[in-house]
Amino acid sequence: MASLSRHRRAFWGDVRFLVGIALVALSITGVWFIVSTSDDATPVLQAQRTITQGEALRSSDFQVVELGLGALTDEYLAPQDLRTGQVASRTVREGEIVPVSVPADAEKSRSTTVLVESSIGIPQDVLAGATVEVWHAPPLDDGRTFDTPRILVADVIVRRVIEAEGMLADAGTQVELVIDRADVADVLAAITGGSSLSVVPVGPGS
């Protein structure tokens, strides 16, 4: 019996030894994987603030972060890819890793900005990058009343909201909007023609 007991102890001792070897091997493999992943990290640009469509891309608006993107490396903007004269082809949210599809040539951009005074209040959560509609109500012949409101331009982007202060607080809220150049004439005609304009949020926040 004593011989059998010693045999069992020796067997379990061998098993524990092998398990220990396996754990050490797994630990070494894990460290190697972390180090190799770190070595494969690629520097890319991350937006430090919301950048609206058509806005100039400046190096100060980004920070460089290193990420292990693997096969997706070529799909994101590297620091050396940012050049003077580029604008955002779409809105880039704060904290977003910037895709290579975002930069566009400023000379070829189809968007511009127009300052519109909204006759109605705008929710506080409508900030830069929000999507809105512009409604207008043309003045009637009596010069005191307005026609039924209708959409002037849809799905435009807010560049910034300018809240009136002090004695000008009753003048309404001014909103700088990013609009397609093809819509500029209609918007300016509504402004100069005395239409009552309203900026209405769509989607989240509406």
N, C-alpha and C. Protein backbone atom coordinates (compact mmCIF):
# COMPACT_ATOMS: atom_id res chain seq x y z
N MET A 1 0.83 -1.21 0.00
CA MET A 1 0.00 0.00 0.00
C MET A 1 0.86 1.25 0.00
N ALA A 2 1.99 1.19 0.76
CA ALA A 2 2.87 2.36 0.83
C ALA A 2 3.45 2.67 -0.53
N SER A 3 3.76 1.62 -1.28
CA SER A 3 4.32 1.81 -2.62
C SER A 3 3.29 2.45 -3.54
N LEU A 4 2.01 2.02 -3.44
CA LEU A 4 0.94 2.59 -4.27
C LEU A 4 0.72 4.04 -3.94
N SER A 5 0.78 4.40 -2.64
CA SER A 5 0.57 5.78 -2.21
C SER A 5 1.66 6.69 -2.75
N ARG A 6 2.94 6.19 -2.69
CA ARG A 6 4.05 6.98 -3.22
C ARG A 6 3.89 7.17 -4.73
N HIS A 7 3.38 6.13 -5.42
CA HIS A 7 3.18 6.21 -6.87
C HIS A 7 2.15 7.29 -7.24
N ARG A 8 1.07 7.34 -6.41
CA ARG A 8 0.02 8.34 -6.68
C ARG A 8 0.55 9.75 -6.45
N ARG A 9 1.33 9.94 -5.35
CA ARG A 9 1.88 11.26 -5.07
C ARG A 9 2.82 11.71 -6.20
N ALA A 10 3.59 10.75 -6.68
CA ALA A 10 4.51 11.09 -7.78
C ALA A 10 3.74 11.48 -9.03
N PHE A 11 2.64 10.79 -9.32
CA PHE A 11 1.81 11.08 -10.50
C PHE A 11 1.23 12.47 -10.42
N TRP A 12 0.59 12.80 -9.26
CA TRP A 12 -0.01 14.12 -9.12
C TRP A 12 1.06 15.21 -9.09
N GLY A 13 2.24 14.89 -8.58
CA GLY A 13 3.33 15.86 -8.62
C GLY A 13 3.73 16.17 -10.04
N ASP A 14 3.78 15.14 -10.90
CA ASP A 14 4.10 15.35 -12.30
C ASP A 14 3.03 16.20 -12.99
N VAL A 15 1.74 15.96 -12.67
CA VAL A 15 0.64 16.72 -13.27
C VAL A 15 0.75 18.19 -12.89
N ARG A 16 1.02 18.46 -11.58
CA ARG A 16 1.16 19.85 -11.16
C ARG A 16 2.34 20.53 -11.84
N PHE A 17 3.39 19.78 -12.03
CA PHE A 17 4.56 20.33 -12.71
C PHE A 17 4.23 20.72 -14.15
N LEU A 18 3.50 19.82 -14.83
CA LEU A 18 3.13 20.10 -16.22
C LEU A 18 2.17 21.29 -16.32
N VAL A 19 1.22 21.36 -15.36
CA VAL A 19 0.30 22.51 -15.34
C VAL A 19 1.07 23.80 -15.14
N GLY A 20 2.04 23.76 -14.24
CA GLY A 20 2.85 24.95 -14.00
C GLY A 20 3.60 25.38 -15.25
N ILE A 21 4.16 24.43 -15.98
CA ILE A 21 4.85 24.74 -17.23
C ILE A 21 3.89 25.38 -18.23
N ALA A 22 2.67 24.83 -18.30
CA ALA A 22 1.67 25.36 -19.25
C ALA A 22 1.30 26.80 -18.89
N LEU A 23 1.14 27.09 -17.60
CA LEU A 23 0.78 28.45 -17.18
C LEU A 23 1.89 29.43 -17.50
N VAL A 24 3.12 29.01 -17.29
CA VAL A 24 4.26 29.88 -17.62
C VAL A 24 4.28 30.16 -19.13
N ALA A 25 4.03 29.12 -19.93
CA ALA A 25 4.01 29.29 -21.38
C ALA A 25 2.91 30.24 -21.81
N LEU A 26 1.71 30.12 -21.20
CA LEU A 26 0.61 31.02 -21.53
C LEU A 26 0.95 32.45 -21.16
N SER A 27 1.60 32.63 -20.01
CA SER A 27 1.98 33.97 -19.57
C SER A 27 2.95 34.60 -20.55
N ILE A 28 3.94 33.82 -20.99
CA ILE A 28 4.92 34.34 -21.94
C ILE A 28 4.25 34.69 -23.26
N THR A 29 3.31 33.84 -23.70
CA THR A 29 2.58 34.10 -24.95
C THR A 29 1.76 35.38 -24.86
N GLY A 30 1.11 35.61 -23.70
CA GLY A 30 0.30 36.82 -23.51
C GLY A 30 1.15 38.07 -23.56
N VAL A 31 2.32 38.03 -22.90
CA VAL A 31 3.22 39.18 -22.92
C VAL A 31 3.71 39.44 -24.34
N TRP A 32 4.05 38.38 -25.05
CA TRP A 32 4.51 38.54 -26.44
C TRP A 32 3.44 39.17 -27.30
N PHE A 33 2.18 38.75 -27.10
CA PHE A 33 1.07 39.28 -27.90
C PHE A 33 0.89 40.77 -27.63
N ILE A 34 0.96 41.16 -26.36
CA ILE A 34 0.78 42.58 -26.01
C ILE A 34 1.89 43.42 -26.63
N VAL A 35 3.13 42.92 -26.51
CA VAL A 35 4.27 43.67 -27.06
C VAL A 35 4.18 43.77 -28.58
N SER A 36 3.82 42.67 -29.23
CA SER A 36 3.72 42.69 -30.69
C SER A 36 2.60 43.59 -31.17
N THR A 37 1.48 43.60 -30.42
CA THR A 37 0.37 44.50 -30.77
C THR A 37 0.78 45.95 -30.62
N SER A 38 1.52 46.24 -29.55
CA SER A 38 2.00 47.60 -29.33
C SER A 38 2.94 48.04 -30.44
N ASP A 39 3.80 47.12 -30.89
CA ASP A 39 4.73 47.46 -31.96
C ASP A 39 4.01 47.75 -33.26
N ASP A 40 2.81 47.18 -33.46
CA ASP A 40 2.05 47.37 -34.69
C ASP A 40 1.14 48.59 -34.64
N ALA A 41 1.16 49.34 -33.54
CA ALA A 41 0.28 50.51 -33.40
C ALA A 41 0.64 51.56 -34.45
N THR A 42 -0.39 52.20 -34.98
CA THR A 42 -0.22 53.20 -36.04
C THR A 42 -0.69 54.56 -35.54
N PRO A 43 0.08 55.64 -35.74
CA PRO A 43 -0.38 56.98 -35.36
C PRO A 43 -1.47 57.48 -36.30
N VAL A 44 -2.61 57.88 -35.75
CA VAL A 44 -3.72 58.42 -36.53
C VAL A 44 -4.26 59.65 -35.83
N LEU A 45 -5.11 60.42 -36.52
CA LEU A 45 -5.65 61.66 -35.98
C LEU A 45 -7.01 61.44 -35.33
N GLN A 46 -7.20 62.04 -34.16
CA GLN A 46 -8.46 62.00 -33.43
C GLN A 46 -8.93 63.44 -33.20
N ALA A 47 -10.20 63.72 -33.53
CA ALA A 47 -10.74 65.08 -33.40
C ALA A 47 -10.87 65.46 -31.93
N GLN A 48 -10.38 66.66 -31.59
CA GLN A 48 -10.48 67.15 -30.22
C GLN A 48 -11.73 68.00 -30.00
N ARG A 49 -12.45 68.30 -31.07
CA ARG A 49 -13.71 69.02 -30.99
C ARG A 49 -14.55 68.63 -32.20
N THR A 50 -15.82 69.01 -32.19
CA THR A 50 -16.68 68.74 -33.35
C THR A 50 -16.31 69.69 -34.49
N ILE A 51 -16.04 69.13 -35.64
CA ILE A 51 -15.67 69.90 -36.83
C ILE A 51 -16.81 69.72 -37.84
N THR A 52 -17.43 70.81 -38.22
CA THR A 52 -18.60 70.72 -39.09
C THR A 52 -18.20 70.64 -40.56
N GLN A 53 -19.13 70.15 -41.36
CA GLN A 53 -18.91 70.03 -42.81
C GLN A 53 -18.51 71.38 -43.40
N GLY A 54 -17.47 71.36 -44.25
CA GLY A 54 -17.02 72.59 -44.90
C GLY A 54 -16.03 73.39 -44.09
N GLU A 55 -15.79 73.02 -42.83
CA GLU A 55 -14.87 73.75 -41.98
C GLU A 55 -13.43 73.36 -42.30
N ALA A 56 -12.52 74.34 -42.24
CA ALA A 56 -11.11 74.08 -42.52
C ALA A 56 -10.53 73.11 -41.49
N LEU A 57 -9.71 72.19 -41.97
CA LEU A 57 -9.05 71.22 -41.10
C LEU A 57 -7.70 71.80 -40.66
N ARG A 58 -7.52 71.96 -39.34
CA ARG A 58 -6.28 72.50 -38.80
C ARG A 58 -5.66 71.49 -37.84
N SER A 59 -4.35 71.44 -37.80
CA SER A 59 -3.67 70.46 -36.96
C SER A 59 -4.01 70.65 -35.49
N SER A 60 -4.33 71.89 -35.09
CA SER A 60 -4.65 72.16 -33.68
C SER A 60 -5.98 71.53 -33.25
N ASP A 61 -6.80 71.12 -34.21
CA ASP A 61 -8.09 70.51 -33.90
C ASP A 61 -7.97 69.00 -33.65
N PHE A 62 -6.76 68.46 -33.77
CA PHE A 62 -6.58 67.02 -33.65
C PHE A 62 -5.48 66.67 -32.66
N GLN A 63 -5.55 65.46 -32.16
CA GLN A 63 -4.45 64.90 -31.40
C GLN A 63 -4.05 63.58 -32.05
N VAL A 64 -2.78 63.24 -31.89
CA VAL A 64 -2.28 62.00 -32.48
C VAL A 64 -2.40 60.88 -31.46
N VAL A 65 -3.06 59.79 -31.85
CA VAL A 65 -3.19 58.61 -30.99
C VAL A 65 -2.65 57.40 -31.76
N GLU A 66 -2.13 56.45 -31.03
CA GLU A 66 -1.59 55.25 -31.65
C GLU A 66 -2.52 54.08 -31.38
N LEU A 67 -2.98 53.45 -32.45
CA LEU A 67 -3.94 52.36 -32.35
C LEU A 67 -3.47 51.18 -33.19
N GLY A 68 -3.79 49.98 -32.73
CA GLY A 68 -3.50 48.79 -33.50
C GLY A 68 -4.66 48.51 -34.44
N LEU A 69 -4.62 49.04 -35.63
CA LEU A 69 -5.73 48.95 -36.58
C LEU A 69 -5.60 47.78 -37.55
N GLY A 70 -4.44 47.17 -37.60
CA GLY A 70 -4.27 46.03 -38.48
C GLY A 70 -4.54 46.37 -39.93
N ALA A 71 -5.42 45.61 -40.56
CA ALA A 71 -5.73 45.80 -41.98
C ALA A 71 -6.48 47.09 -42.25
N LEU A 72 -7.01 47.75 -41.19
CA LEU A 72 -7.79 48.99 -41.36
C LEU A 72 -6.92 50.24 -41.32
N THR A 73 -5.61 50.07 -41.19
CA THR A 73 -4.70 51.21 -41.05
C THR A 73 -4.89 52.24 -42.15
N ASP A 74 -5.01 51.80 -43.39
CA ASP A 74 -5.09 52.72 -44.53
C ASP A 74 -6.42 53.46 -44.62
N GLU A 75 -7.38 53.12 -43.76
CA GLU A 75 -8.70 53.75 -43.83
C GLU A 75 -8.81 54.98 -42.93
N TYR A 76 -7.75 55.28 -42.16
CA TYR A 76 -7.80 56.41 -41.24
C TYR A 76 -6.66 57.39 -41.51
N LEU A 77 -6.89 58.65 -41.17
CA LEU A 77 -5.99 59.74 -41.51
C LEU A 77 -4.77 59.75 -40.59
N ALA A 78 -3.58 59.69 -41.20
CA ALA A 78 -2.33 59.79 -40.45
C ALA A 78 -1.91 61.26 -40.37
N PRO A 79 -1.08 61.62 -39.39
CA PRO A 79 -0.68 63.04 -39.25
C PRO A 79 -0.11 63.63 -40.53
N GLN A 80 0.69 62.86 -41.27
CA GLN A 80 1.32 63.38 -42.49
C GLN A 80 0.34 63.56 -43.64
N ASP A 81 -0.89 63.04 -43.48
CA ASP A 81 -1.89 63.16 -44.55
C ASP A 81 -2.65 64.48 -44.50
N LEU A 82 -2.52 65.22 -43.39
CA LEU A 82 -3.24 66.49 -43.25
C LEU A 82 -2.49 67.60 -43.97
N ARG A 83 -3.17 68.29 -44.89
CA ARG A 83 -2.51 69.32 -45.69
C ARG A 83 -3.29 70.64 -45.63
N THR A 84 -2.60 71.72 -45.92
CA THR A 84 -3.22 73.04 -45.96
C THR A 84 -4.24 73.11 -47.10
N GLY A 85 -5.35 73.78 -46.86
CA GLY A 85 -6.36 73.94 -47.91
C GLY A 85 -7.39 72.84 -47.93
N GLN A 86 -7.42 72.00 -46.89
CA GLN A 86 -8.42 70.94 -46.82
C GLN A 86 -9.56 71.35 -45.90
N VAL A 87 -10.76 70.90 -46.24
CA VAL A 87 -11.94 71.12 -45.40
C VAL A 87 -12.60 69.78 -45.13
N ALA A 88 -13.51 69.76 -44.16
CA ALA A 88 -14.21 68.53 -43.83
C ALA A 88 -15.34 68.28 -44.81
N SER A 89 -15.37 67.10 -45.39
CA SER A 89 -16.44 66.76 -46.34
C SER A 89 -17.73 66.38 -45.62
N ARG A 90 -17.63 66.14 -44.31
CA ARG A 90 -18.80 65.85 -43.47
C ARG A 90 -18.44 66.26 -42.05
N THR A 91 -19.43 66.24 -41.17
CA THR A 91 -19.18 66.58 -39.77
C THR A 91 -18.41 65.48 -39.08
N VAL A 92 -17.37 65.87 -38.34
CA VAL A 92 -16.56 64.94 -37.56
C VAL A 92 -16.82 65.23 -36.08
N ARG A 93 -17.26 64.22 -35.34
CA ARG A 93 -17.60 64.41 -33.94
C ARG A 93 -16.35 64.42 -33.06
N GLU A 94 -16.44 65.13 -31.94
CA GLU A 94 -15.35 65.15 -30.97
C GLU A 94 -15.02 63.72 -30.53
N GLY A 95 -13.75 63.37 -30.55
CA GLY A 95 -13.30 62.04 -30.15
C GLY A 95 -13.26 61.02 -31.27
N GLU A 96 -13.76 61.39 -32.46
CA GLU A 96 -13.80 60.44 -33.57
C GLU A 96 -12.42 60.28 -34.21
N ILE A 97 -12.06 59.04 -34.54
CA ILE A 97 -10.87 58.78 -35.33
C ILE A 97 -11.21 59.14 -36.78
N VAL A 98 -10.39 59.97 -37.41
CA VAL A 98 -10.75 60.59 -38.68
C VAL A 98 -10.48 59.65 -39.87
N PRO A 99 -11.53 59.30 -40.62
CA PRO A 99 -11.33 58.48 -41.83
C PRO A 99 -10.64 59.28 -42.94
N VAL A 100 -9.98 58.59 -43.84
CA VAL A 100 -9.28 59.27 -44.94
C VAL A 100 -10.27 59.93 -45.91
N SER A 101 -11.55 59.57 -45.82
CA SER A 101 -12.56 60.14 -46.71
C SER A 101 -13.01 61.54 -46.28
N VAL A 102 -12.60 61.98 -45.09
CA VAL A 102 -13.08 63.26 -44.57
C VAL A 102 -12.45 64.47 -45.27
N PRO A 103 -11.13 64.54 -45.47
CA PRO A 103 -10.56 65.74 -46.09
C PRO A 103 -11.03 65.94 -47.52
N ALA A 104 -11.32 67.20 -47.86
CA ALA A 104 -11.70 67.55 -49.22
C ALA A 104 -11.01 68.85 -49.60
N ASP A 105 -10.82 69.06 -50.87
CA ASP A 105 -10.19 70.28 -51.36
C ASP A 105 -11.14 71.45 -51.17
N ALA A 106 -10.66 72.50 -50.48
CA ALA A 106 -11.52 73.65 -50.19
C ALA A 106 -12.05 74.29 -51.46
N GLU A 107 -11.25 74.32 -52.52
CA GLU A 107 -11.68 74.96 -53.76
C GLU A 107 -12.80 74.20 -54.45
N LYS A 108 -12.92 72.92 -54.13
CA LYS A 108 -13.95 72.10 -54.76
C LYS A 108 -15.16 71.90 -53.86
N SER A 109 -15.13 72.48 -52.68
CA SER A 109 -16.24 72.31 -51.74
C SER A 109 -17.51 72.96 -52.26
N ARG A 110 -18.64 72.28 -52.12
CA ARG A 110 -19.92 72.80 -52.59
C ARG A 110 -20.71 73.47 -51.47
N SER A 111 -20.12 73.61 -50.30
CA SER A 111 -20.84 74.19 -49.17
C SER A 111 -20.25 75.52 -48.76
N THR A 112 -21.09 76.33 -48.12
CA THR A 112 -20.66 77.60 -47.56
C THR A 112 -21.51 77.86 -46.32
N THR A 113 -21.31 78.97 -45.65
CA THR A 113 -22.08 79.26 -44.44
C THR A 113 -22.91 80.52 -44.61
N VAL A 114 -24.07 80.52 -43.98
CA VAL A 114 -24.98 81.66 -44.00
C VAL A 114 -25.49 81.87 -42.58
N LEU A 115 -25.56 83.11 -42.15
CA LEU A 115 -26.07 83.44 -40.82
C LEU A 115 -27.56 83.72 -40.91
N VAL A 116 -28.35 82.95 -40.15
CA VAL A 116 -29.81 83.06 -40.18
C VAL A 116 -30.31 83.38 -38.78
N GLU A 117 -31.26 84.30 -38.70
CA GLU A 117 -31.88 84.61 -37.40
C GLU A 117 -33.19 83.85 -37.28
N SER A 118 -33.25 82.96 -36.30
CA SER A 118 -34.44 82.15 -36.11
C SER A 118 -35.46 82.90 -35.28
N SER A 119 -36.72 82.88 -35.73
CA SER A 119 -37.78 83.59 -35.03
C SER A 119 -38.32 82.80 -33.85
N ILE A 120 -37.89 81.55 -33.70
CA ILE A 120 -38.34 80.73 -32.58
C ILE A 120 -37.13 80.25 -31.80
N GLY A 121 -37.37 79.81 -30.57
CA GLY A 121 -36.28 79.32 -29.75
C GLY A 121 -35.72 78.01 -30.28
N ILE A 122 -34.48 77.75 -29.90
CA ILE A 122 -33.81 76.52 -30.32
C ILE A 122 -33.40 75.75 -29.07
N PRO A 123 -33.68 74.45 -29.00
CA PRO A 123 -33.29 73.67 -27.82
C PRO A 123 -31.79 73.81 -27.51
N GLN A 124 -31.45 73.80 -26.24
CA GLN A 124 -30.06 73.99 -25.83
C GLN A 124 -29.15 72.87 -26.31
N ASP A 125 -29.71 71.69 -26.57
CA ASP A 125 -28.86 70.57 -27.01
C ASP A 125 -28.61 70.58 -28.52
N VAL A 126 -29.10 71.61 -29.21
CA VAL A 126 -28.76 71.78 -30.63
C VAL A 126 -27.45 72.57 -30.68
N LEU A 127 -26.37 71.84 -30.95
CA LEU A 127 -25.03 72.43 -30.94
C LEU A 127 -24.39 72.28 -32.31
N ALA A 128 -23.12 72.65 -32.40
CA ALA A 128 -22.38 72.50 -33.65
C ALA A 128 -22.45 71.06 -34.11
N GLY A 129 -22.76 70.88 -35.39
CA GLY A 129 -22.86 69.54 -35.96
C GLY A 129 -24.28 69.01 -36.04
N ALA A 130 -25.23 69.69 -35.40
CA ALA A 130 -26.62 69.24 -35.43
C ALA A 130 -27.23 69.46 -36.82
N THR A 131 -28.18 68.60 -37.17
CA THR A 131 -28.89 68.72 -38.44
C THR A 131 -30.22 69.44 -38.22
N VAL A 132 -30.51 70.44 -39.04
CA VAL A 132 -31.73 71.23 -38.86
C VAL A 132 -32.39 71.49 -40.22
N GLU A 133 -33.62 72.00 -40.14
CA GLU A 133 -34.34 72.50 -41.32
C GLU A 133 -34.55 74.01 -41.14
N VAL A 134 -34.58 74.72 -42.24
CA VAL A 134 -34.92 76.15 -42.21
C VAL A 134 -36.29 76.32 -42.86
N TRP A 135 -37.24 76.85 -42.08
CA TRP A 135 -38.59 77.14 -42.57
C TRP A 135 -38.71 78.65 -42.78
N HIS A 136 -39.53 79.04 -43.75
CA HIS A 136 -39.75 80.47 -43.93
C HIS A 136 -41.23 80.73 -44.21
N ALA A 137 -41.67 81.88 -43.72
CA ALA A 137 -43.04 82.34 -43.96
C ALA A 137 -42.95 83.69 -44.67
N PRO A 138 -43.22 83.74 -45.98
CA PRO A 138 -43.11 85.00 -46.73
C PRO A 138 -44.11 86.05 -46.21
N PRO A 139 -43.75 87.32 -46.26
CA PRO A 139 -44.68 88.36 -45.82
C PRO A 139 -45.85 88.52 -46.81
N LEU A 140 -47.00 88.82 -46.27
CA LEU A 140 -48.17 89.08 -47.11
C LEU A 140 -48.20 90.54 -47.55
N ASP A 141 -49.12 90.86 -48.42
CA ASP A 141 -49.15 92.20 -49.01
C ASP A 141 -49.46 93.28 -47.98
N ASP A 142 -50.10 92.91 -46.87
CA ASP A 142 -50.44 93.95 -45.89
C ASP A 142 -49.21 94.40 -45.10
N GLY A 143 -48.11 93.65 -45.22
CA GLY A 143 -46.87 94.05 -44.55
C GLY A 143 -46.84 93.77 -43.07
N ARG A 144 -47.92 93.18 -42.53
CA ARG A 144 -47.98 92.92 -41.08
C ARG A 144 -48.08 91.44 -40.76
N THR A 145 -48.54 90.65 -41.69
CA THR A 145 -48.73 89.23 -41.44
C THR A 145 -47.92 88.41 -42.44
N PHE A 146 -47.87 87.11 -42.15
CA PHE A 146 -47.03 86.22 -42.97
C PHE A 146 -47.85 85.06 -43.52
N ASP A 147 -47.39 84.54 -44.63
CA ASP A 147 -48.02 83.39 -45.26
C ASP A 147 -47.72 82.12 -44.45
N THR A 148 -48.31 81.02 -44.85
CA THR A 148 -48.09 79.74 -44.18
C THR A 148 -46.62 79.33 -44.28
N PRO A 149 -45.99 78.93 -43.16
CA PRO A 149 -44.58 78.52 -43.20
C PRO A 149 -44.38 77.30 -44.09
N ARG A 150 -43.24 77.23 -44.72
CA ARG A 150 -42.87 76.10 -45.57
C ARG A 150 -41.36 75.89 -45.47
N ILE A 151 -40.91 74.69 -45.81
CA ILE A 151 -39.48 74.40 -45.73
C ILE A 151 -38.72 75.15 -46.82
N LEU A 152 -37.68 75.86 -46.41
CA LEU A 152 -36.81 76.57 -47.34
C LEU A 152 -35.63 75.68 -47.75
N VAL A 153 -34.92 75.14 -46.77
CA VAL A 153 -33.85 74.17 -47.02
C VAL A 153 -33.92 73.11 -45.91
N ALA A 154 -33.62 71.87 -46.30
CA ALA A 154 -33.69 70.76 -45.33
C ALA A 154 -32.30 70.16 -45.13
N ASP A 155 -32.15 69.53 -43.98
CA ASP A 155 -30.92 68.78 -43.67
C ASP A 155 -29.66 69.62 -43.85
N VAL A 156 -29.63 70.75 -43.18
CA VAL A 156 -28.42 71.58 -43.17
C VAL A 156 -27.75 71.44 -41.80
N ILE A 157 -26.48 71.78 -41.75
CA ILE A 157 -25.68 71.55 -40.55
C ILE A 157 -25.43 72.86 -39.81
N VAL A 158 -25.53 72.80 -38.49
CA VAL A 158 -25.24 73.96 -37.65
C VAL A 158 -23.74 74.10 -37.46
N ARG A 159 -23.19 75.27 -37.82
CA ARG A 159 -21.77 75.55 -37.56
C ARG A 159 -21.63 76.07 -36.13
N ARG A 160 -22.52 77.01 -35.76
CA ARG A 160 -22.50 77.54 -34.39
C ARG A 160 -23.82 78.24 -34.11
N VAL A 161 -24.14 78.34 -32.83
CA VAL A 161 -25.35 79.04 -32.38
C VAL A 161 -24.91 80.28 -31.63
N ILE A 162 -25.47 81.44 -32.00
CA ILE A 162 -25.11 82.71 -31.38
C ILE A 162 -26.31 83.22 -30.60
N GLU A 163 -26.23 83.11 -29.29
CA GLU A 163 -27.33 83.56 -28.44
C GLU A 163 -27.26 85.07 -28.26
N ALA A 164 -28.40 85.74 -28.43
CA ALA A 164 -28.46 87.19 -28.21
C ALA A 164 -28.38 87.49 -26.73
N GLU A 165 -27.73 88.60 -26.39
CA GLU A 165 -27.57 88.98 -24.99
C GLU A 165 -28.03 90.42 -24.77
N GLY A 166 -28.34 90.72 -23.53
CA GLY A 166 -28.69 92.08 -23.14
C GLY A 166 -29.92 92.59 -23.85
N MET A 167 -29.84 93.82 -24.38
CA MET A 167 -30.97 94.47 -25.03
C MET A 167 -31.34 93.77 -26.33
N LEU A 168 -30.43 92.96 -26.89
CA LEU A 168 -30.70 92.29 -28.16
C LEU A 168 -31.32 90.92 -27.96
N ALA A 169 -31.62 90.56 -26.71
CA ALA A 169 -32.10 89.21 -26.43
C ALA A 169 -33.44 88.91 -27.11
N ASP A 170 -34.22 89.95 -27.38
CA ASP A 170 -35.53 89.75 -28.01
C ASP A 170 -35.43 89.62 -29.53
N ALA A 171 -34.23 89.76 -30.06
CA ALA A 171 -34.08 89.74 -31.51
C ALA A 171 -34.07 88.34 -32.08
N GLY A 172 -34.07 87.33 -31.21
CA GLY A 172 -34.05 85.95 -31.68
C GLY A 172 -32.65 85.37 -31.61
N THR A 173 -32.53 84.14 -32.03
CA THR A 173 -31.26 83.43 -31.99
C THR A 173 -30.67 83.34 -33.39
N GLN A 174 -29.41 83.72 -33.52
CA GLN A 174 -28.73 83.62 -34.80
C GLN A 174 -27.99 82.29 -34.89
N VAL A 175 -28.10 81.66 -36.04
CA VAL A 175 -27.48 80.37 -36.26
C VAL A 175 -26.67 80.43 -37.54
N GLU A 176 -25.39 80.07 -37.45
CA GLU A 176 -24.56 79.97 -38.64
C GLU A 176 -24.73 78.56 -39.20
N LEU A 177 -25.20 78.47 -40.43
CA LEU A 177 -25.54 77.20 -41.04
C LEU A 177 -24.61 76.88 -42.21
N VAL A 178 -24.30 75.60 -42.34
CA VAL A 178 -23.54 75.12 -43.50
C VAL A 178 -24.55 74.64 -44.53
N ILE A 179 -24.59 75.30 -45.69
CA ILE A 179 -25.57 74.94 -46.71
C ILE A 179 -24.87 74.74 -48.05
N ASP A 180 -25.53 74.03 -48.93
CA ASP A 180 -25.03 73.82 -50.28
C ASP A 180 -25.09 75.16 -51.03
N ARG A 181 -24.06 75.41 -51.83
CA ARG A 181 -24.01 76.68 -52.57
C ARG A 181 -25.22 76.86 -53.48
N ALA A 182 -25.82 75.77 -53.93
CA ALA A 182 -26.99 75.86 -54.79
C ALA A 182 -28.19 76.45 -54.07
N ASP A 183 -28.19 76.40 -52.72
CA ASP A 183 -29.33 76.92 -51.95
C ASP A 183 -29.11 78.33 -51.44
N VAL A 184 -27.92 78.90 -51.67
CA VAL A 184 -27.60 80.22 -51.12
C VAL A 184 -28.56 81.29 -51.64
N ALA A 185 -28.83 81.28 -52.94
CA ALA A 185 -29.69 82.32 -53.51
C ALA A 185 -31.07 82.31 -52.88
N ASP A 186 -31.66 81.14 -52.67
CA ASP A 186 -33.00 81.06 -52.08
C ASP A 186 -32.99 81.57 -50.64
N VAL A 187 -31.95 81.22 -49.90
CA VAL A 187 -31.88 81.66 -48.49
C VAL A 187 -31.69 83.17 -48.42
N LEU A 188 -30.81 83.72 -49.22
CA LEU A 188 -30.59 85.17 -49.20
C LEU A 188 -31.84 85.91 -49.67
N ALA A 189 -32.56 85.36 -50.65
CA ALA A 189 -33.79 86.00 -51.13
C ALA A 189 -34.84 86.03 -50.02
N ALA A 190 -34.92 84.95 -49.24
CA ALA A 190 -35.88 84.92 -48.13
C ALA A 190 -35.51 85.93 -47.06
N ILE A 191 -34.21 86.08 -46.79
CA ILE A 191 -33.77 87.03 -45.77
C ILE A 191 -34.04 88.46 -46.21
N THR A 192 -33.61 88.81 -47.42
CA THR A 192 -33.79 90.19 -47.90
C THR A 192 -35.25 90.49 -48.21
N GLY A 193 -36.05 89.45 -48.48
CA GLY A 193 -37.47 89.66 -48.78
C GLY A 193 -38.34 89.80 -47.55
N GLY A 194 -37.74 89.70 -46.37
CA GLY A 194 -38.51 89.92 -45.14
C GLY A 194 -39.25 88.71 -44.62
N SER A 195 -38.91 87.52 -45.09
CA SER A 195 -39.57 86.31 -44.59
C SER A 195 -39.24 86.09 -43.11
N SER A 196 -40.19 85.50 -42.41
CA SER A 196 -39.93 85.07 -41.03
C SER A 196 -39.29 83.69 -41.10
N LEU A 197 -38.05 83.58 -40.62
CA LEU A 197 -37.29 82.35 -40.73
C LEU A 197 -37.27 81.62 -39.38
N SER A 198 -37.33 80.33 -39.43
CA SER A 198 -37.29 79.49 -38.23
C SER A 198 -36.36 78.32 -38.47
N VAL A 199 -35.45 78.09 -37.52
CA VAL A 199 -34.53 76.95 -37.59
C VAL A 199 -35.09 75.86 -36.70
N VAL A 200 -35.41 74.71 -37.31
CA VAL A 200 -36.08 73.62 -36.60
C VAL A 200 -35.18 72.40 -36.57
N PRO A 201 -34.84 71.90 -35.38
CA PRO A 201 -33.98 70.71 -35.31
C PRO A 201 -34.70 69.47 -35.82
N VAL A 202 -33.95 68.56 -36.41
CA VAL A 202 -34.50 67.28 -36.85
C VAL A 202 -33.69 66.17 -36.23
N GLY A 203 -34.27 64.99 -36.12
CA GLY A 203 -33.56 63.86 -35.53
C GLY A 203 -33.40 64.06 -34.05
N PRO A 204 -32.31 63.52 -33.43
CA PRO A 204 -32.08 63.64 -31.99
C PRO A 204 -32.06 65.10 -31.57
N GLY A 205 -32.76 65.41 -30.52
CA GLY A 205 -32.82 66.77 -30.01
C GLY A 205 -34.00 67.55 -30.53
N SER A 206 -34.78 66.95 -31.47
CA SER A 206 -35.92 67.68 -32.03
C SER A 206 -37.13 67.51 -31.15
